[in-house]
Amino acid sequence: MVVAAVPAVTVGGMFVVDTAGVLLVFLGCHAAKATYGLRDWHRLLRMTQEVDVDAVIRARIRSLRVARGWSLDSLAQRCGLSPSTLSRIETGRRRIALDQVVPICRAFGATLDELVEADGDADVVIRPQPGHSPGQTTWVLSDGDGIHGKTVAKMRIAPDLSGGGNRLGVHPGRDWFTVLSGIARLELGDRTILVHPGEVAEFSTMVPHAICAHEGPVEILTILNHDGGRAHLHGTHAID
C-alpha cells in the first residue's frame, strides 16, 4: 500500500482518501493536511506494516456478501456499482476508493470502522473485575468503548441501597436492564415498579429514576449509554 503526503479527507478519524481517490488508513491527525508530523507517520507506517487493511476490506466485503447469500448482481443492485467492479474489488484487481466503499457499507448496514477493523490476535475473553461502591458491586462486561458506544454491565445491588427519593437521578437517553436473580424495585418518577427474574425494564432516563433491591439482594444485567454509564457506574468503573 502506497502512502503519499497529498491533500486528504478524513472519515471517522480512520480513513484518508488521496487526490486519486485511493483509500488509505490514517491514525493520529484529524485535520485535512498535506503533510503529517513525524509521530503520525510512524503510527501510520506501523499500522500498515502490521495489518494489510486493503486485504481485510476485500475479505470483509466478500464474507458479508456470501453470508447474506447475495450474488455479485444482488450486491450491485443494492449499492449502485457494477458486478464487474465488485468482482475486481473482491479479488484485488481494482484499487479501493472511498466512493465505492461507502455505498457498499450502506448496502450491508455496516460502518466504515466496522469494515476496516482488524481481526488482530487480542484475547476475545473479557475477565471483568468487580467495582465496589456502598451497597453495589458492578462488573463491566464490555471492553474499550463498549458495543456501539454502549456499556454492558452486571450489577449486584444490596437492600440497603434501596429507598430514598434523594437518590433518584436524571440523565439523557434510555436505560435497559433485565433481572438475573432477586427482585428489582424501579423507582420511576412517582411510580414504583417491581421487576422479577427474567423480566426486562426499559424507560426514559429523563424521568427521575433509581434501581433498587426489593426484600433482598438483586442482580441485574444492564446496557447503558455514555450518560447512563456516568450516572450508574461508580468507583473503579466510573466513566469520565
C-alpha atoms as a PDB file:
ATOM      1  CA  MET A   1       0.000   0.000   0.000  1.00  0.00           C
ATOM      2  CA  VAL A   2       1.492   3.332  -1.106  1.00  0.00           C
ATOM      3  CA  VAL A   3       1.375   6.271   1.270  1.00  0.00           C
ATOM      4  CA  ALA A   4       1.891   9.758  -0.089  1.00  0.00           C
ATOM      5  CA  ALA A   5       1.809  13.205   1.503  1.00  0.00           C
ATOM      6  CA  VAL A   6      -1.099  14.596  -0.516  1.00  0.00           C
ATOM      7  CA  PRO A   7      -4.186  16.646   0.343  1.00  0.00           C
ATOM      8  CA  ALA A   8      -6.546  14.314   2.116  1.00  0.00           C
ATOM      9  CA  VAL A   9     -10.026  13.950   3.525  1.00  0.00           C
ATOM     10  CA  THR A  10     -10.527  12.182   6.846  1.00  0.00           C
ATOM     11  CA  VAL A  11     -13.540   9.981   7.514  1.00  0.00           C
ATOM     12  CA  GLY A  12     -14.359   8.799  11.012  1.00  0.00           C
ATOM     13  CA  GLY A  13     -10.808   9.515  12.157  1.00  0.00           C
ATOM     14  CA  MET A  14      -9.579   6.339  10.478  1.00  0.00           C
ATOM     15  CA  PHE A  15      -9.612   6.857   6.709  1.00  0.00           C
ATOM     16  CA  VAL A  16      -7.860   9.100   4.249  1.00  0.00           C
ATOM     17  CA  VAL A  17      -8.566   9.431   0.552  1.00  0.00           C
ATOM     18  CA  ASP A  18      -5.801  10.869  -1.584  1.00  0.00           C
ATOM     19  CA  THR A  19      -6.358  13.011  -4.677  1.00  0.00           C
ATOM     20  CA  ALA A  20      -6.606   9.875  -6.807  1.00  0.00           C
ATOM     21  CA  GLY A  21      -9.412   8.577  -4.622  1.00  0.00           C
ATOM     22  CA  VAL A  22      -7.356   5.737  -3.147  1.00  0.00           C
ATOM     23  CA  LEU A  23      -8.407   4.519   0.289  1.00  0.00           C
ATOM     24  CA  LEU A  24      -5.638   4.723   2.877  1.00  0.00           C
ATOM     25  CA  VAL A  25      -5.555   4.127   6.588  1.00  0.00           C
ATOM     26  CA  PHE A  26      -4.575   7.033   8.782  1.00  0.00           C
ATOM     27  CA  LEU A  27      -4.326   7.451  12.531  1.00  0.00           C
ATOM     28  CA  GLY A  28      -3.375  10.492  14.565  1.00  0.00           C
ATOM     29  CA  CYS A  29      -4.318  13.572  12.500  1.00  0.00           C
ATOM     30  CA  HIS A  30      -7.922  14.681  12.494  1.00  0.00           C
ATOM     31  CA  ALA A  31      -7.452  17.643  10.170  1.00  0.00           C
ATOM     32  CA  ALA A  32      -7.008  17.523   6.419  1.00  0.00           C
ATOM     33  CA  LYS A  33      -3.366  18.358   5.849  1.00  0.00           C
ATOM     34  CA  ALA A  34      -0.854  17.977   3.074  1.00  0.00           C
ATOM     35  CA  THR A  35       1.932  16.933   5.417  1.00  0.00           C
ATOM     36  CA  TYR A  36       1.947  14.893   8.602  1.00  0.00           C
ATOM     37  CA  GLY A  37       4.045  15.084  11.747  1.00  0.00           C
ATOM     38  CA  LEU A  38       6.807  12.565  12.354  1.00  0.00           C
ATOM     39  CA  ARG A  39       4.874  10.844  15.143  1.00  0.00           C
ATOM     40  CA  ASP A  40       1.830  10.407  12.896  1.00  0.00           C
ATOM     41  CA  TRP A  41       3.991   8.982  10.106  1.00  0.00           C
ATOM     42  CA  HIS A  42       5.431   6.403  12.486  1.00  0.00           C
ATOM     43  CA  ARG A  43       1.979   5.386  13.700  1.00  0.00           C
ATOM     44  CA  LEU A  44       0.711   5.174  10.126  1.00  0.00           C
ATOM     45  CA  LEU A  45       3.630   3.089   8.923  1.00  0.00           C
ATOM     46  CA  ARG A  46       3.356   0.747  11.904  1.00  0.00           C
ATOM     47  CA  MET A  47      -0.347   0.250  11.181  1.00  0.00           C
ATOM     48  CA  THR A  48       0.209  -0.551   7.503  1.00  0.00           C
ATOM     49  CA  GLN A  49       3.020  -2.948   8.364  1.00  0.00           C
ATOM     50  CA  GLU A  50       1.045  -4.868  10.993  1.00  0.00           C
ATOM     51  CA  VAL A  51      -2.257  -5.112   9.129  1.00  0.00           C
ATOM     52  CA  ASP A  52      -2.958  -5.461   5.421  1.00  0.00           C
ATOM     53  CA  VAL A  53      -6.043  -3.269   5.651  1.00  0.00           C
ATOM     54  CA  ASP A  54      -6.686  -3.459   1.926  1.00  0.00           C
ATOM     55  CA  ALA A  55      -6.943  -7.247   2.147  1.00  0.00           C
ATOM     56  CA  VAL A  56      -9.120  -7.010   5.264  1.00  0.00           C
ATOM     57  CA  ILE A  57     -11.631  -4.777   3.465  1.00  0.00           C
ATOM     58  CA  ARG A  58     -11.773  -7.066   0.417  1.00  0.00           C
ATOM     59  CA  ALA A  59     -12.262 -10.164   2.562  1.00  0.00           C
ATOM     60  CA  ARG A  60     -14.957  -8.461   4.660  1.00  0.00           C
ATOM     61  CA  ILE A  61     -16.917  -7.417   1.584  1.00  0.00           C
ATOM     62  CA  ARG A  62     -16.882 -10.945   0.184  1.00  0.00           C
ATOM     63  CA  SER A  63     -17.667 -12.538   3.566  1.00  0.00           C
ATOM     64  CA  LEU A  64     -20.634 -10.235   4.184  1.00  0.00           C
ATOM     65  CA  ARG A  65     -21.970 -10.836   0.690  1.00  0.00           C
ATOM     66  CA  VAL A  66     -21.672 -14.612   0.924  1.00  0.00           C
ATOM     67  CA  ALA A  67     -23.141 -14.669   4.443  1.00  0.00           C
ATOM     68  CA  ARG A  68     -26.283 -12.957   3.130  1.00  0.00           C
ATOM     69  CA  GLY A  69     -26.491 -15.315   0.185  1.00  0.00           C
ATOM     70  CA  TRP A  70     -26.117 -12.440  -2.278  1.00  0.00           C
ATOM     71  CA  SER A  71     -24.636 -12.809  -5.719  1.00  0.00           C
ATOM     72  CA  LEU A  72     -22.470 -10.066  -7.164  1.00  0.00           C
ATOM     73  CA  ASP A  73     -25.526  -8.953  -9.145  1.00  0.00           C
ATOM     74  CA  SER A  74     -27.599  -8.710  -5.945  1.00  0.00           C
ATOM     75  CA  LEU A  75     -24.999  -6.590  -4.174  1.00  0.00           C
ATOM     76  CA  ALA A  76     -24.580  -4.456  -7.292  1.00  0.00           C
ATOM     77  CA  GLN A  77     -28.300  -3.626  -7.299  1.00  0.00           C
ATOM     78  CA  ARG A  78     -28.108  -2.585  -3.646  1.00  0.00           C
ATOM     79  CA  CYS A  79     -25.008  -0.382  -3.829  1.00  0.00           C
ATOM     80  CA  GLY A  80     -25.164   1.019  -7.375  1.00  0.00           C
ATOM     81  CA  LEU A  81     -21.846  -0.458  -8.548  1.00  0.00           C
ATOM     82  CA  SER A  82     -21.462  -2.864 -11.407  1.00  0.00           C
ATOM     83  CA  PRO A  83     -20.955  -6.614 -10.751  1.00  0.00           C
ATOM     84  CA  SER A  84     -17.629  -6.482 -12.596  1.00  0.00           C
ATOM     85  CA  THR A  85     -16.386  -3.648 -10.372  1.00  0.00           C
ATOM     86  CA  LEU A  86     -17.387  -5.574  -7.242  1.00  0.00           C
ATOM     87  CA  SER A  87     -15.672  -8.681  -8.540  1.00  0.00           C
ATOM     88  CA  ARG A  88     -12.432  -6.777  -9.163  1.00  0.00           C
ATOM     89  CA  ILE A  89     -12.624  -5.205  -5.704  1.00  0.00           C
ATOM     90  CA  GLU A  90     -13.060  -8.585  -4.007  1.00  0.00           C
ATOM     91  CA  THR A  91     -10.259 -10.233  -5.966  1.00  0.00           C
ATOM     92  CA  GLY A  92      -7.778  -7.364  -5.612  1.00  0.00           C
ATOM     93  CA  ARG A  93      -7.745  -6.427  -9.275  1.00  0.00           C
ATOM     94  CA  ARG A  94      -9.043  -2.928  -8.571  1.00  0.00           C
ATOM     95  CA  ARG A  95      -7.885  -0.303  -6.089  1.00  0.00           C
ATOM     96  CA  ILE A  96     -10.473   0.518  -3.451  1.00  0.00           C
ATOM     97  CA  ALA A  97     -11.886   4.049  -3.478  1.00  0.00           C
ATOM     98  CA  LEU A  98     -13.985   5.707  -0.804  1.00  0.00           C
ATOM     99  CA  ASP A  99     -16.866   6.449  -3.185  1.00  0.00           C
ATOM    100  CA  GLN A 100     -17.103   2.680  -3.706  1.00  0.00           C
ATOM    101  CA  VAL A 101     -16.735   1.598  -0.095  1.00  0.00           C
ATOM    102  CA  VAL A 102     -19.398   3.962   1.282  1.00  0.00           C
ATOM    103  CA  PRO A 103     -22.320   2.567  -0.784  1.00  0.00           C
ATOM    104  CA  ILE A 104     -21.098  -0.979  -0.125  1.00  0.00           C
ATOM    105  CA  CYS A 105     -21.196  -0.285   3.622  1.00  0.00           C
ATOM    106  CA  ARG A 106     -24.698   1.136   3.296  1.00  0.00           C
ATOM    107  CA  ALA A 107     -25.854  -1.964   1.441  1.00  0.00           C
ATOM    108  CA  PHE A 108     -24.620  -4.172   4.284  1.00  0.00           C
ATOM    109  CA  GLY A 109     -25.818  -1.828   7.027  1.00  0.00           C
ATOM    110  CA  ALA A 110     -22.222  -1.580   8.276  1.00  0.00           C
ATOM    111  CA  THR A 111     -19.949   1.352   9.112  1.00  0.00           C
ATOM    112  CA  LEU A 112     -16.539   2.134   7.644  1.00  0.00           C
ATOM    113  CA  ASP A 113     -14.914   1.450  11.006  1.00  0.00           C
ATOM    114  CA  GLU A 114     -16.536  -1.989  11.191  1.00  0.00           C
ATOM    115  CA  LEU A 115     -15.409  -2.840   7.670  1.00  0.00           C
ATOM    116  CA  VAL A 116     -11.760  -1.949   8.339  1.00  0.00           C
ATOM    117  CA  GLU A 117     -11.494  -3.280  11.907  1.00  0.00           C
ATOM    118  CA  ALA A 118      -8.557  -5.686  12.051  1.00  0.00           C
ATOM    119  CA  ASP A 119      -9.068  -9.235  13.272  1.00  0.00           C
ATOM    120  CA  GLY A 120      -5.999  -8.948  15.481  1.00  0.00           C
ATOM    121  CA  ASP A 121      -4.939 -11.609  17.940  1.00  0.00           C
ATOM    122  CA  ALA A 122      -6.129  -9.902  21.113  1.00  0.00           C
ATOM    123  CA  ASP A 123      -7.801 -12.005  23.765  1.00  0.00           C
ATOM    124  CA  VAL A 124     -11.515 -12.214  22.972  1.00  0.00           C
ATOM    125  CA  VAL A 125     -12.372 -13.255  26.520  1.00  0.00           C
ATOM    126  CA  ILE A 126     -13.182 -10.391  28.898  1.00  0.00           C
ATOM    127  CA  ARG A 127     -12.341 -11.089  32.532  1.00  0.00           C
ATOM    128  CA  PRO A 128     -14.315  -8.443  34.413  1.00  0.00           C
ATOM    129  CA  GLN A 129     -13.101  -7.210  37.759  1.00  0.00           C
ATOM    130  CA  PRO A 130     -15.648  -6.082  40.361  1.00  0.00           C
ATOM    131  CA  GLY A 131     -16.009  -2.413  41.161  1.00  0.00           C
ATOM    132  CA  HIS A 132     -17.381  -1.599  44.574  1.00  0.00           C
ATOM    133  CA  SER A 133     -19.451   1.268  45.923  1.00  0.00           C
ATOM    134  CA  PRO A 134     -21.675   1.336  49.015  1.00  0.00           C
ATOM    135  CA  GLY A 135     -24.374  -1.292  48.551  1.00  0.00           C
ATOM    136  CA  GLN A 136     -23.443  -2.087  44.968  1.00  0.00           C
ATOM    137  CA  THR A 137     -20.944  -4.288  43.107  1.00  0.00           C
ATOM    138  CA  THR A 138     -20.509  -3.823  39.357  1.00  0.00           C
ATOM    139  CA  TRP A 139     -18.835  -5.936  36.682  1.00  0.00           C
ATOM    140  CA  VAL A 140     -18.345  -4.196  33.322  1.00  0.00           C
ATOM    141  CA  LEU A 141     -18.799  -6.890  30.658  1.00  0.00           C
ATOM    142  CA  SER A 142     -17.829  -4.894  27.569  1.00  0.00           C
ATOM    143  CA  ASP A 143     -14.361  -3.731  26.624  1.00  0.00           C
ATOM    144  CA  GLY A 144     -12.924  -0.445  25.411  1.00  0.00           C
ATOM    145  CA  ASP A 145     -15.625   1.878  24.099  1.00  0.00           C
ATOM    146  CA  GLY A 146     -18.250  -0.789  24.592  1.00  0.00           C
ATOM    147  CA  ILE A 147     -20.598  -2.177  21.980  1.00  0.00           C
ATOM    148  CA  HIS A 148     -21.573   0.593  19.562  1.00  0.00           C
ATOM    149  CA  GLY A 149     -20.846   3.145  22.272  1.00  0.00           C
ATOM    150  CA  LYS A 150     -22.862   1.321  24.917  1.00  0.00           C
ATOM    151  CA  THR A 151     -21.595  -0.350  28.088  1.00  0.00           C
ATOM    152  CA  VAL A 152     -22.834  -3.761  29.234  1.00  0.00           C
ATOM    153  CA  ALA A 153     -22.611  -4.371  32.977  1.00  0.00           C
ATOM    154  CA  LYS A 154     -23.797  -6.760  35.656  1.00  0.00           C
ATOM    155  CA  MET A 155     -24.795  -5.204  38.958  1.00  0.00           C
ATOM    156  CA  ARG A 156     -25.429  -6.719  42.362  1.00  0.00           C
ATOM    157  CA  ILE A 157     -27.455  -4.315  44.488  1.00  0.00           C
ATOM    158  CA  ALA A 158     -27.878  -4.797  48.226  1.00  0.00           C
ATOM    159  CA  PRO A 159     -31.157  -3.993  50.005  1.00  0.00           C
ATOM    160  CA  ASP A 160     -29.588  -1.153  51.974  1.00  0.00           C
ATOM    161  CA  LEU A 161     -29.219   0.817  48.724  1.00  0.00           C
ATOM    162  CA  SER A 162     -32.969   0.817  48.144  1.00  0.00           C
ATOM    163  CA  GLY A 163     -35.437   3.514  49.065  1.00  0.00           C
ATOM    164  CA  GLY A 164     -34.730   7.210  49.398  1.00  0.00           C
ATOM    165  CA  GLY A 165     -36.135   9.572  46.796  1.00  0.00           C
ATOM    166  CA  ASN A 166     -32.980  11.681  47.090  1.00  0.00           C
ATOM    167  CA  ARG A 167     -31.149   9.006  45.077  1.00  0.00           C
ATOM    168  CA  LEU A 168     -33.349   9.460  42.008  1.00  0.00           C
ATOM    169  CA  GLY A 169     -31.230  10.526  39.072  1.00  0.00           C
ATOM    170  CA  VAL A 170     -31.857  12.073  35.659  1.00  0.00           C
ATOM    171  CA  HIS A 171     -29.712  11.882  32.529  1.00  0.00           C
ATOM    172  CA  PRO A 172     -30.241  11.841  28.739  1.00  0.00           C
ATOM    173  CA  GLY A 173     -31.131   8.617  26.953  1.00  0.00           C
ATOM    174  CA  ARG A 174     -32.843   5.383  27.935  1.00  0.00           C
ATOM    175  CA  ASP A 175     -31.920   2.629  30.399  1.00  0.00           C
ATOM    176  CA  TRP A 176     -32.430  -1.081  29.827  1.00  0.00           C
ATOM    177  CA  PHE A 177     -32.000  -3.896  32.322  1.00  0.00           C
ATOM    178  CA  THR A 178     -33.105  -7.451  32.960  1.00  0.00           C
ATOM    179  CA  VAL A 179     -33.216  -9.152  36.347  1.00  0.00           C
ATOM    180  CA  LEU A 180     -30.993 -12.212  36.781  1.00  0.00           C
ATOM    181  CA  SER A 181     -31.919 -13.019  40.386  1.00  0.00           C
ATOM    182  CA  GLY A 182     -33.880 -11.398  43.201  1.00  0.00           C
ATOM    183  CA  ILE A 183     -36.449  -8.656  42.649  1.00  0.00           C
ATOM    184  CA  ALA A 184     -35.580  -5.140  41.481  1.00  0.00           C
ATOM    185  CA  ARG A 185     -37.609  -2.158  42.567  1.00  0.00           C
ATOM    186  CA  LEU A 186     -37.614   0.534  39.907  1.00  0.00           C
ATOM    187  CA  GLU A 187     -38.411   3.972  41.268  1.00  0.00           C
ATOM    188  CA  LEU A 188     -39.588   5.885  38.191  1.00  0.00           C
ATOM    189  CA  GLY A 189     -40.950   9.329  38.907  1.00  0.00           C
ATOM    190  CA  ASP A 190     -43.983   8.840  41.164  1.00  0.00           C
ATOM    191  CA  ARG A 191     -44.247   5.133  40.307  1.00  0.00           C
ATOM    192  CA  THR A 192     -42.754   2.076  41.985  1.00  0.00           C
ATOM    193  CA  ILE A 193     -42.405  -0.946  39.700  1.00  0.00           C
ATOM    194  CA  LEU A 194     -41.267  -4.423  40.771  1.00  0.00           C
ATOM    195  CA  VAL A 195     -39.233  -6.263  38.131  1.00  0.00           C
ATOM    196  CA  HIS A 196     -38.886 -10.040  38.618  1.00  0.00           C
ATOM    197  CA  PRO A 197     -36.272 -12.502  37.268  1.00  0.00           C
ATOM    198  CA  GLY A 198     -36.484 -12.851  33.509  1.00  0.00           C
ATOM    199  CA  GLU A 199     -38.396  -9.601  33.111  1.00  0.00           C
ATOM    200  CA  VAL A 200     -36.985  -6.559  31.307  1.00  0.00           C
ATOM    201  CA  ALA A 201     -37.423  -2.854  32.009  1.00  0.00           C
ATOM    202  CA  GLU A 202     -36.735  -0.065  29.522  1.00  0.00           C
ATOM    203  CA  PHE A 203     -37.519   3.565  30.237  1.00  0.00           C
ATOM    204  CA  SER A 204     -36.635   7.174  29.525  1.00  0.00           C
ATOM    205  CA  THR A 205     -33.916   8.349  31.866  1.00  0.00           C
ATOM    206  CA  MET A 206     -35.145  11.931  31.688  1.00  0.00           C
ATOM    207  CA  VAL A 207     -37.685  10.741  34.275  1.00  0.00           C
ATOM    208  CA  PRO A 208     -36.148  10.701  37.790  1.00  0.00           C
ATOM    209  CA  HIS A 209     -35.271   7.078  38.497  1.00  0.00           C
ATOM    210  CA  ALA A 210     -33.397   4.632  40.697  1.00  0.00           C
ATOM    211  CA  ILE A 211     -32.906   0.859  40.530  1.00  0.00           C
ATOM    212  CA  CYS A 212     -33.106  -0.678  43.999  1.00  0.00           C
ATOM    213  CA  ALA A 213     -33.176  -4.099  45.665  1.00  0.00           C
ATOM    214  CA  HIS A 214     -36.513  -5.333  46.987  1.00  0.00           C
ATOM    215  CA  GLU A 215     -36.532  -7.564  50.083  1.00  0.00           C
ATOM    216  CA  GLY A 216     -33.086  -8.981  49.381  1.00  0.00           C
ATOM    217  CA  PRO A 217     -30.102  -8.670  47.032  1.00  0.00           C
ATOM    218  CA  VAL A 218     -30.819  -8.341  43.320  1.00  0.00           C
ATOM    219  CA  GLU A 219     -28.591  -8.973  40.310  1.00  0.00           C
ATOM    220  CA  ILE A 220     -29.306  -7.256  37.024  1.00  0.00           C
ATOM    221  CA  LEU A 221     -27.767  -7.130  33.568  1.00  0.00           C
ATOM    222  CA  THR A 222     -27.903  -3.635  32.111  1.00  0.00           C
ATOM    223  CA  ILE A 223     -26.987  -1.802  28.912  1.00  0.00           C
ATOM    224  CA  LEU A 224     -26.003   1.844  29.351  1.00  0.00           C
ATOM    225  CA  ASN A 225     -25.145   4.664  27.001  1.00  0.00           C
ATOM    226  CA  HIS A 226     -22.373   7.101  27.913  1.00  0.00           C
ATOM    227  CA  ASP A 227     -24.605   9.251  30.104  1.00  0.00           C
ATOM    228  CA  GLY A 228     -26.067   6.169  31.772  1.00  0.00           C
ATOM    229  CA  GLY A 229     -22.591   4.860  32.486  1.00  0.00           C
ATOM    230  CA  ARG A 230     -21.596   8.115  34.150  1.00  0.00           C
ATOM    231  CA  ALA A 231     -24.744   8.047  36.270  1.00  0.00           C
ATOM    232  CA  HIS A 232     -24.806   4.387  37.316  1.00  0.00           C
ATOM    233  CA  LEU A 233     -21.224   3.095  37.278  1.00  0.00           C
ATOM    234  CA  HIS A 234     -19.305   4.002  40.387  1.00  0.00           C
ATOM    235  CA  GLY A 235     -15.844   3.534  41.866  1.00  0.00           C
ATOM    236  CA  THR A 236     -13.303   1.852  39.607  1.00  0.00           C
ATOM    237  CA  HIS A 237     -15.772   1.671  36.705  1.00  0.00           C
ATOM    238  CA  ALA A 238     -16.761   5.337  36.625  1.00  0.00           C
ATOM    239  CA  ILE A 239     -16.897   6.824  33.128  1.00  0.00           C
ATOM    240  CA  ASP A 240     -15.390  10.271  32.545  1.00  0.00           C
END
